[in-house]
């Protein structure tokens, strides 16, 4: 088995801690290890280190290598520019397929949090068996805990087979991020999962699907076959990526493919997509506060306060998130953390690159 860890995200919703030079997967957001290191730690008992690939951006290549000394340097594939998940997955599939076109590969984001690692690996084992049984694409669905509007949803159909223990289902449809009323209806129906962005399939299966649904991307990937693993690799990838159009694997392949299965994943998953999501994970004091660093909270409740070294004092406030770094301070109302991206967008428009 092989694993591909996608580590190319910018993590803009975690500004000011997450920056273009240091996105969230390279930070210690929830534990003593970075999110990227945790992702590798989590998969190592299942996949040998020589079969773990990490796809990241050129700007983060040095940090990625330094954080993962246990992996062969050649297993870090660097993208010259972000082109969303389909090119990333296709590039990794080509690299694995050169060695074994029938290999089963697991695709994982680098910036998620999992509470039960063993249950996570058990779910992947089940998904791998399903991918080996038939030429299908398998994804992991998370039982929804609330009517979230920030996630995509997967509608499940009948169990895939009698031996699947009612944990593997045919996929009826993929749904984009819904409004609140639609999300509530999904929960009431009980046949919807959150889309985790975790996939399992044979290399041959995903390459056939890319060839069918994204033929232009397939041709560019095919042109890289002779260059991967050689001194010409970086230049060849850059030339191809300048021609490749950005597209997600969900929109480009998964929503169009017919033979798609979803495996129920109940292992304490959190996509850690915002400061609010982080606050849900961390231990709180008796007032519901999460305080890191030199922080004084007086008559303050349900607040997340992260000091980068300066003393932060809060008096008589509730439901705030305060994040201080060397050159920036973020103050926001809890529940509005998805809007942090608007701050980043404004900094980009005003060309204040030193804060990005």
Protein backbone atom coordinates (compact mmCIF):
# COMPACT_ATOMS: atom_id res chain seq x y z
CA UNK A 1 0.00 0.00 0.00
CA UNK A 2 1.05 3.59 -0.68
CA UNK A 3 0.00 6.89 0.86
CA UNK A 4 -0.04 10.40 -0.58
CA UNK A 5 -0.21 13.32 1.84
CA UNK A 6 -1.35 16.57 0.24
CA UNK A 7 0.50 19.41 1.96
CA UNK A 8 0.09 22.31 -0.41
CA UNK A 9 -2.57 24.39 1.34
CA UNK A 10 -2.08 27.99 2.43
CA UNK A 11 -4.25 27.83 5.55
CA UNK A 12 -5.40 31.43 5.17
CA UNK A 13 -8.20 30.97 7.71
CA UNK A 14 -5.52 30.62 10.40
CA UNK A 15 -4.01 34.04 9.83
CA UNK A 16 -2.00 35.52 11.50
CA UNK A 17 -0.40 32.28 12.76
CA UNK A 18 -0.71 30.62 9.36
CA UNK A 19 1.09 32.49 6.57
CA UNK A 20 2.12 31.77 2.99
CA UNK A 21 5.62 30.98 4.27
CA UNK A 22 4.33 28.86 7.16
CA UNK A 23 0.87 27.38 6.46
CA UNK A 24 -1.07 25.55 9.14
CA UNK A 25 0.17 22.05 8.24
CA UNK A 26 3.66 23.14 9.31
CA UNK A 27 2.45 24.47 12.67
CA UNK A 28 1.85 22.82 16.04
CA UNK A 29 -1.85 23.60 16.15
CA UNK A 30 -3.11 20.67 18.23
CA UNK A 31 -0.29 18.79 19.93
CA UNK A 32 3.48 18.68 20.29
CA UNK A 33 3.97 17.67 16.64
CA UNK A 34 2.96 19.70 13.60
CA UNK A 35 -0.16 18.69 11.70
CA UNK A 36 2.01 17.36 8.86
CA UNK A 37 4.10 15.27 11.25
CA UNK A 38 0.94 13.92 12.87
CA UNK A 39 -0.41 12.93 9.46
CA UNK A 40 2.73 10.87 8.78
CA UNK A 41 2.78 9.42 12.31
CA UNK A 42 -0.83 8.33 11.88
CA UNK A 43 -0.26 6.45 8.63
CA UNK A 44 3.16 4.89 9.39
CA UNK A 45 1.78 1.79 11.15
CA UNK A 46 -0.16 1.04 7.97
CA UNK A 47 2.19 2.13 5.18
CA UNK A 48 5.99 1.71 5.12
CA UNK A 49 7.88 4.99 5.14
CA UNK A 50 9.37 4.35 1.70
CA UNK A 51 5.81 4.25 0.30
CA UNK A 52 4.69 7.58 1.77
CA UNK A 53 4.76 10.54 -0.64
CA UNK A 54 4.22 14.15 0.38
CA UNK A 55 3.18 16.67 -2.26
CA UNK A 56 3.89 20.26 -1.26
CA UNK A 57 4.71 23.62 -2.80
CA UNK A 58 8.25 24.60 -3.70
CA UNK A 59 8.12 27.39 -1.12
CA UNK A 60 7.54 24.85 1.64
CA UNK A 61 9.89 22.14 0.42
CA UNK A 62 12.73 22.94 2.81
CA UNK A 63 10.47 23.02 5.89
CA UNK A 64 8.72 19.83 4.80
CA UNK A 65 12.02 18.00 4.42
CA UNK A 66 13.27 19.21 7.81
CA UNK A 67 10.06 18.14 9.56
CA UNK A 68 10.06 14.65 8.03
CA UNK A 69 13.64 13.33 8.23
CA UNK A 70 12.28 9.78 8.45
CA UNK A 71 11.09 9.91 4.82
CA UNK A 72 13.41 9.55 1.82
CA UNK A 73 14.11 12.96 0.33
CA UNK A 74 12.86 11.74 -3.05
CA UNK A 75 9.43 11.12 -1.54
CA UNK A 76 8.81 14.86 -1.23
CA UNK A 77 7.29 16.01 -4.52
CA UNK A 78 7.25 19.77 -5.02
CA UNK A 79 4.65 21.61 -7.06
CA UNK A 80 5.87 24.88 -8.61
CA UNK A 81 2.42 26.42 -8.19
CA UNK A 82 -0.91 25.44 -6.67
CA UNK A 83 -3.30 23.79 -9.13
CA UNK A 84 -5.83 22.34 -6.66
CA UNK A 85 -6.18 18.65 -5.79
CA UNK A 86 -6.67 16.88 -9.15
CA UNK A 87 -3.20 17.73 -10.55
CA UNK A 88 -1.63 17.02 -7.15
CA UNK A 89 -3.24 13.57 -6.96
CA UNK A 90 -2.53 12.86 -10.61
CA UNK A 91 1.16 13.73 -10.20
CA UNK A 92 1.52 11.45 -7.18
CA UNK A 93 -0.37 8.68 -8.99
CA UNK A 94 2.10 8.86 -11.87
CA UNK A 95 5.03 8.59 -9.47
CA UNK A 96 3.56 5.52 -7.77
CA UNK A 97 2.35 3.98 -11.02
CA UNK A 98 5.87 3.91 -12.47
CA UNK A 99 6.71 1.36 -9.74
CA UNK A 100 3.38 -0.42 -9.45
CA UNK A 101 0.34 0.61 -11.55
CA UNK A 102 -1.92 -1.73 -9.56
CA UNK A 103 -0.86 -0.40 -6.16
CA UNK A 104 -3.54 0.73 -3.72
CA UNK A 105 -2.98 4.35 -2.72
CA UNK A 106 -4.45 6.36 0.12
CA UNK A 107 -4.80 10.12 -0.36
CA UNK A 108 -4.81 12.26 2.79
CA UNK A 109 -4.84 15.98 3.55
CA UNK A 110 -1.93 17.06 5.76
CA UNK A 111 -3.91 19.40 7.99
CA UNK A 112 -6.69 17.32 9.54
CA UNK A 113 -6.99 16.10 13.12
CA UNK A 114 -8.00 12.57 14.12
CA UNK A 115 -8.81 11.55 17.69
CA UNK A 116 -8.74 7.75 17.29
CA UNK A 117 -5.76 6.77 15.13
CA UNK A 118 -6.42 3.03 15.28
CA UNK A 119 -10.06 3.42 14.21
CA UNK A 120 -8.78 5.67 11.41
CA UNK A 121 -6.41 2.96 10.18
CA UNK A 122 -9.14 0.30 10.45
CA UNK A 123 -11.33 2.46 8.22
CA UNK A 124 -8.55 2.78 5.65
CA UNK A 125 -7.96 -0.98 5.71
CA UNK A 126 -11.63 -1.54 4.93
CA UNK A 127 -11.52 1.04 2.15
CA UNK A 128 -8.42 -0.62 0.69
CA UNK A 129 -10.18 -3.98 0.59
CA UNK A 130 -13.09 -2.37 -1.24
CA UNK A 131 -10.70 -0.75 -3.74
CA UNK A 132 -9.02 -4.11 -4.37
CA UNK A 133 -12.31 -5.96 -4.88
CA UNK A 134 -13.43 -3.91 -7.87
CA UNK A 135 -12.15 -1.05 -10.08
CA UNK A 136 -13.79 1.71 -8.08
CA UNK A 137 -12.99 4.98 -6.37
CA UNK A 138 -13.45 4.99 -2.60
CA UNK A 139 -13.86 7.98 -0.31
CA UNK A 140 -14.29 8.30 3.45
CA UNK A 141 -17.51 9.84 4.76
CA UNK A 142 -17.83 11.27 8.25
CA UNK A 143 -21.16 10.87 10.13
CA UNK A 144 -22.32 14.48 10.54
CA UNK A 145 -22.55 15.83 14.07
CA UNK A 146 -24.26 19.10 13.20
CA UNK A 147 -25.72 20.93 10.17
CA UNK A 148 -22.41 22.32 8.93
CA UNK A 149 -22.51 24.64 5.93
CA UNK A 150 -18.73 24.67 5.44
CA UNK A 151 -18.47 21.01 4.33
CA UNK A 152 -19.43 19.15 1.21
CA UNK A 153 -21.75 16.18 1.68
CA UNK A 154 -21.94 12.65 0.27
CA UNK A 155 -25.30 10.94 -0.18
CA UNK A 156 -25.05 7.20 0.36
CA UNK A 157 -27.10 4.49 -1.28
CA UNK A 158 -27.26 0.75 -0.65
CA UNK A 159 -24.47 -1.23 1.03
CA UNK A 160 -21.82 -2.18 -1.50
CA UNK A 161 -21.81 -5.86 -0.54
CA UNK A 162 -22.90 -8.26 2.13
CA UNK A 163 -19.39 -8.46 3.57
CA UNK A 164 -19.06 -4.70 4.02
CA UNK A 165 -20.74 -4.80 7.46
CA UNK A 166 -22.94 -1.89 6.44
CA UNK A 167 -19.90 0.38 6.53
CA UNK A 168 -19.34 0.56 2.74
CA UNK A 169 -22.02 2.08 0.52
CA UNK A 170 -22.62 3.03 -3.08
CA UNK A 171 -22.51 6.80 -3.58
CA UNK A 172 -25.68 8.37 -4.96
CA UNK A 173 -24.43 11.94 -5.18
CA UNK A 174 -21.96 14.55 -4.01
CA UNK A 175 -23.43 17.81 -2.73
CA UNK A 176 -21.63 21.13 -2.57
CA UNK A 177 -21.56 23.18 0.62
CA UNK A 178 -25.25 23.69 1.45
CA UNK A 179 -27.13 26.51 3.11
CA UNK A 180 -28.23 25.95 6.71
CA UNK A 181 -31.74 24.75 5.87
CA UNK A 182 -30.40 22.20 3.37
CA UNK A 183 -27.75 21.01 5.82
CA UNK A 184 -30.45 20.43 8.44
CA UNK A 185 -32.46 18.40 5.95
CA UNK A 186 -29.38 16.25 5.24
CA UNK A 187 -29.09 15.43 8.93
CA UNK A 188 -32.78 14.59 9.20
CA UNK A 189 -32.58 12.16 6.28
CA UNK A 190 -29.71 10.27 7.90
CA UNK A 191 -28.23 9.18 4.57
CA UNK A 192 -25.56 11.86 4.25
CA UNK A 193 -21.92 12.01 5.29
CA UNK A 194 -19.54 14.90 5.50
CA UNK A 195 -16.98 14.75 2.67
CA UNK A 196 -13.62 14.23 4.38
CA UNK A 197 -11.41 14.64 1.31
CA UNK A 198 -9.77 11.28 2.06
CA UNK A 199 -9.61 8.79 -0.82
CA UNK A 200 -8.50 5.19 -1.45
CA UNK A 201 -8.14 3.55 -4.88
CA UNK A 202 -5.84 1.64 -7.16
CA UNK A 203 -3.47 3.76 -9.19
CA UNK A 204 -4.92 2.22 -12.35
CA UNK A 205 -8.46 3.18 -11.29
CA UNK A 206 -7.77 6.86 -10.64
CA UNK A 207 -5.62 7.22 -13.77
CA UNK A 208 -8.38 5.71 -15.92
CA UNK A 209 -10.85 8.17 -14.36
CA UNK A 210 -8.55 11.15 -14.95
CA UNK A 211 -8.08 10.01 -18.53
CA UNK A 212 -11.86 9.82 -19.00
CA UNK A 213 -12.99 12.97 -17.22
CA UNK A 214 -9.91 15.21 -17.36
CA UNK A 215 -8.19 14.25 -20.64
CA UNK A 216 -6.11 17.44 -20.87
CA UNK A 217 -4.68 16.84 -17.40
CA UNK A 218 -4.04 13.20 -18.26
CA UNK A 219 -1.98 14.15 -21.32
CA UNK A 220 0.14 16.55 -19.27
CA UNK A 221 0.71 13.89 -16.61
CA UNK A 222 1.65 11.36 -19.26
CA UNK A 223 4.32 13.74 -20.56
CA UNK A 224 6.00 13.61 -17.13
CA UNK A 225 6.39 9.84 -17.00
CA UNK A 226 9.98 9.74 -18.23
CA UNK A 227 11.10 12.67 -16.06
CA UNK A 228 9.86 11.66 -12.62
CA UNK A 229 12.68 10.53 -10.37
CA UNK A 230 15.36 12.05 -12.63
CA UNK A 231 17.28 15.37 -12.49
CA UNK A 232 14.83 16.71 -15.09
CA UNK A 233 11.83 16.22 -12.79
CA UNK A 234 11.51 19.78 -11.42
CA UNK A 235 11.77 21.45 -14.82
CA UNK A 236 9.33 19.04 -16.43
CA UNK A 237 6.76 19.51 -13.66
CA UNK A 238 7.05 23.29 -13.90
CA UNK A 239 6.52 23.25 -17.66
CA UNK A 240 3.46 21.00 -17.31
CA UNK A 241 1.98 23.01 -14.42
CA UNK A 242 2.17 26.21 -16.42
CA UNK A 243 -0.27 24.58 -18.86
CA UNK A 244 -2.44 22.69 -16.37
CA UNK A 245 -5.68 24.35 -15.28
CA UNK A 246 -6.58 24.20 -11.57
CA UNK A 247 -9.41 21.82 -10.68
CA UNK A 248 -10.37 19.79 -7.62
CA UNK A 249 -10.58 16.01 -7.70
CA UNK A 250 -14.14 16.25 -6.35
CA UNK A 251 -15.42 18.45 -9.15
CA UNK A 252 -13.21 17.02 -11.88
CA UNK A 253 -13.63 13.30 -11.18
CA UNK A 254 -15.62 12.20 -8.13
CA UNK A 255 -18.85 14.01 -9.00
CA UNK A 256 -18.78 12.51 -12.51
CA UNK A 257 -17.60 8.95 -11.86
CA UNK A 258 -20.14 6.15 -11.52
CA UNK A 259 -18.30 3.46 -9.57
CA UNK A 260 -17.79 5.37 -6.33
CA UNK A 261 -18.04 3.92 -2.84
CA UNK A 262 -18.08 5.65 0.53
CA UNK A 263 -16.79 4.09 3.74
CA UNK A 264 -18.19 5.29 7.03
CA UNK A 265 -15.40 6.88 9.07
CA UNK A 266 -16.15 7.31 12.75
CA UNK A 267 -12.77 8.18 14.25
CA UNK A 268 -13.10 11.70 15.67
CA UNK A 269 -12.34 13.63 12.49
CA UNK A 270 -11.87 17.41 12.37
CA UNK A 271 -10.74 19.22 9.24
CA UNK A 272 -9.38 22.06 11.40
CA UNK A 273 -10.64 24.63 8.96
CA UNK A 274 -10.85 27.63 11.29
CA UNK A 275 -10.04 29.06 14.71
CA UNK A 276 -13.47 27.91 15.88
CA UNK A 277 -12.66 24.34 14.82
CA UNK A 278 -9.41 24.49 16.78
CA UNK A 279 -11.23 25.80 19.84
CA UNK A 280 -13.57 22.82 19.71
CA UNK A 281 -10.56 20.49 20.08
CA UNK A 282 -8.55 22.10 22.86
CA UNK A 283 -9.13 21.68 26.62
CA UNK A 284 -10.92 24.53 28.35
CA UNK A 285 -10.88 25.99 31.84
CA UNK A 286 -13.94 26.28 34.07
CA UNK A 287 -15.03 29.45 32.25
CA UNK A 288 -14.80 27.77 28.84
CA UNK A 289 -11.62 29.64 27.94
CA UNK A 290 -8.56 28.37 26.08
CA UNK A 291 -5.56 30.44 27.17
CA UNK A 292 -2.02 29.99 25.85
CA UNK A 293 0.93 32.11 26.89
CA UNK A 294 0.87 35.09 29.27
CA UNK A 295 -2.88 35.75 29.29
CA UNK A 296 -5.03 37.33 32.02
CA UNK A 297 -8.77 36.74 31.69
CA UNK A 298 -11.04 38.61 34.10
CA UNK A 299 -14.79 38.03 33.92
CA UNK A 300 -14.21 36.48 30.51
CA UNK A 301 -15.87 33.36 29.12
CA UNK A 302 -15.76 31.05 26.08
CA UNK A 303 -12.73 32.75 24.53
CA UNK A 304 -9.68 31.49 22.67
CA UNK A 305 -6.60 33.58 23.45
CA UNK A 306 -3.19 32.69 22.01
CA UNK A 307 -0.28 34.94 22.97
CA UNK A 308 2.93 34.93 21.01
CA UNK A 309 4.81 36.46 23.96
CA UNK A 310 3.06 39.68 24.91
CA UNK A 311 0.76 39.86 27.94
CA UNK A 312 -2.85 39.86 26.78
CA UNK A 313 -5.51 40.96 29.28
CA UNK A 314 -9.25 40.55 28.68
CA UNK A 315 -11.87 42.05 30.97
CA UNK A 316 -15.60 41.50 30.81
CA UNK A 317 -15.78 39.97 27.32
CA UNK A 318 -17.24 36.73 25.99
CA UNK A 319 -16.93 34.61 22.85
CA UNK A 320 -13.76 36.16 21.45
CA UNK A 321 -10.77 34.74 19.63
CA UNK A 322 -7.53 36.69 20.06
CA UNK A 323 -4.36 35.58 18.29
CA UNK A 324 -1.11 37.52 18.70
CA UNK A 325 2.05 37.02 16.66
CA UNK A 326 5.22 39.07 16.29
CA UNK A 327 3.74 41.46 13.74
CA UNK A 328 -0.04 41.10 13.91
CA UNK A 329 -3.01 40.73 16.26
CA UNK A 330 -6.33 39.19 15.28
CA UNK A 331 -9.47 39.86 17.32
CA UNK A 332 -12.71 38.29 16.18
CA UNK A 333 -16.07 37.17 17.44
CA UNK A 334 -16.35 33.42 17.92
CA UNK A 335 -18.48 32.03 15.12
CA UNK A 336 -16.99 34.40 12.55
CA UNK A 337 -13.66 32.64 12.03
CA UNK A 338 -14.47 31.67 8.43
CA UNK A 339 -14.32 35.40 7.68
CA UNK A 340 -10.62 35.59 8.52
CA UNK A 341 -10.02 34.89 4.84
CA UNK A 342 -11.55 38.32 4.14
CA UNK A 343 -8.68 39.88 6.09
CA UNK A 344 -6.16 37.97 3.98
CA UNK A 345 -7.97 38.97 0.79
CA UNK A 346 -7.83 42.63 1.82
CA UNK A 347 -4.13 42.43 2.64
CA UNK A 348 -3.58 40.98 -0.84
CA UNK A 349 -5.63 43.74 -2.50
CA UNK A 350 -3.69 46.40 -0.60
CA UNK A 351 -0.40 44.69 -1.53
CA UNK A 352 0.68 44.30 2.10
CA UNK A 353 2.69 41.19 1.31
CA UNK A 354 4.80 41.49 4.43
CA UNK A 355 1.77 40.39 6.47
CA UNK A 356 0.82 37.43 4.27
